[in-house]
Structure formats: C-alpha cells, structure tokens
Amino acid sequence: MQLHWEKHTLQFIKPAKTSRGEYTQKDHVLVFLSQNRITGCGEAAPLPDLSIDGQAPLVEVLTQLQYFAAENYPISEWLRLTAEYPSLQFAIESAFLDLQNGGKGVLFPGPFTEGNESIPFNGLVWMNTIEDMWEEAQSKMAQGFSCLKFKVGALDTDSECRLLEKVRNLKNAFNLTIRLDANGAWSADETLLHLKEFARFEVHSIEQPIKAGQPEAMQEVCAKSPIPVALDEELIGVSPEKAENLLKTIRPAFVVLKPTLLGGFTACDNWLFQAQKQNIGWWATSALEGNIGLSAIAQWAATKHNPLHQGLGTGALYQNNFLSHTRTEKDRMWFLQKPATI
C-alpha cells in the first residue's frame, strides 16, 4: 500500500462568520491510499480555532504513516498513532473505506449510495446582522427547508427573539422546526434567562449554551432548561473511556456528532452507542469540510436511519471546492455516483 497527500486552500465564496471569528479561506489536506491500482481518498479539514489538531503539523504525522502504509499496518495502528489528530483519523478512515470499496467515493454501500434513498438536513442561517439573517431565513424556507438552525448569542437576545418571532409569524412557518446554536456564548449564571426567552418560539433544541468543560454547570442547565439541550463542543477531546461518564453526568437531550472534530467514524460510533444506551438523541453535523468530507459524513449518517434532520452543508461554501458526490433538493440530500461540480 502507498500513501500520499495534497494540501489545498479553499476560498470561501463569502466570509463565514462564527462566534469564534470570520473565515475567508481554510486549509485542507487530501489523504490518498493506493493498492492494486485502486486509490481511496479522505479529507482532513481541521478548524484552526476549535479542532484539537487545528494547529498541528499534519504533514509530519502523514510522513510517519507512509511507513505504516508500506508495511500494511492494520487500521487500528493508524488510529492509535493519530489519537491526537481527530481530523486526520477521519481522513484515514475515509480513505481506507473508499479503497476497500473500489476507490469511487463510496464508503458505505447501501440504498443511499445507490441513489434510492435521501437524508433530511437542516438549513443553516449564518451569523450576521439581524436583517441579513432574516433575508437568509426567508430564502431557506423558499428553497423548501423545513428545519432551520440559527446561530445565537453574538447579538442581544431581544433582537434575536424578534427575528424568531418574525419567522414564526410567516404563514408558511407553522410547521417549521427551529434549532439554535449558541457555541458556548453565555455564562452559566445567565443561560437559563436567555433560554426562557427563546422557549416562547417552540424551539426544538439549543446547542452548547455554555462553554465546554463545565460538566456540573451544564448538568444544571440541561436539568432546568425549557429547551432541550444538545452537546457539541463539549464532546471534543473527550476520550472514548470518558464518554459514558460525561453523558451520565450531564444528561443532555441530544449530542451532535462531528467526525472531523471527534476522530472519525469509529469515535462517532462510540458516542452514538453511549448515547443510545442512555436514550439520548443525536444528529451528525459537518464542520466546514469540502465536498469529499461532506460526502463521507452524509454516507455514514445515512447508514444510521435517523429520522431527524442532519446538520450537513450544501457543498456551496467554497469557490474552489472539490467535485461533489452529493446533490440537494429542498431539504433532502442525495448521493451522486458520478461526482459533479456544485
């Protein structure tokens, strides 16, 4: 087996604003595994200010992995070496699965990759001014999205509540599912006051209302919140051995599974197993990957047959994105056996 990689810098079509700053471009690494004239591909796309390997020298680790490839080490050894590099674990698992299935971008063969099934996903209203968020929400609903996710916590709560009120007052919004994501914006002392205000608008869930790393405070928020709480950043960097205890302590309503940030499919399967044991719901979410990583996450999520909307991008973020194995129609995502330009 041989391993090689390529570095790519993807340029955003327009700046992507998050609670941690603004992205105009982002570095990605494509990992290729070749054997018997078949090549599998995976994408490592860490977030510089959120991934635990966001500032790590991935190329140095990849150089070590070339020896693993030449000696045909089992994937368990690859994952052990890359334990501190979750985005690389995701890329390696993706490349292995692609290689095993013929190198055509199919990682999880089944009804989804055969084009016979689709999966639902939410429309994301990016953080922006209230006016721009209002315009984007209307646009997403006009496109056919029945579930919208709003980033909150960057502006004042009154303004954000007025935005949700306008959305709910639309005639076509009576059956709209609204999700919120605070990205840890509030202090533990003030969170419940904010959530009480948002609860007036029939909110499905709120992701990460306080910063990660405060399990006792988060447990109290989950117990008292009028809105079901989903853990997101709280899961990053938590070892598989500690996953069960974290969920038992906090007892959230949902967990948000991001293969790039959590260490690939094996790690997400472990979180899913622990969550299901405790009757905790879940959905998968992409994290600004290019089209290769997005397709991999969509395929994995499709195998789980979760009826909830997944948190997947559309593939239309970047000017110079990779060819896409997915297409979208309203709020459904389909697999393309022959990749195309988005």
Foldseek 3Di string as FASTA:
>chain_A
DAKDKDKDKFAFPDWFQDPVGIDGIFIKMWMWADDPRAIFIFIQTDDLVQFLCNPPPVVVLVVVCRVCNVVVPDVVVVCVSCVSQQSVLAGVLRGVQCRVVRRLLDNFDDCQQVFNDWAFAEAEQTDDPLVSSLVVLVVLVVLAGQEYEYEDQPDDLVSVLVSLVVQCPDPSNVRHAYEYEDQQNDDLVCQQVSQVSNVVNVHAEYENPHYADPLQSLLVCCVPGPHFYEYESNQAPDDLVCLLVSCVSNVGQEYEAESSRQRHDVRSVSNVVSCVVSNHHYAYAYDPTAQSNLSVRRSSRVVVPDRDHHHGDQRNGGPDGDFHQWHDRSRIIGGHSHTHDD
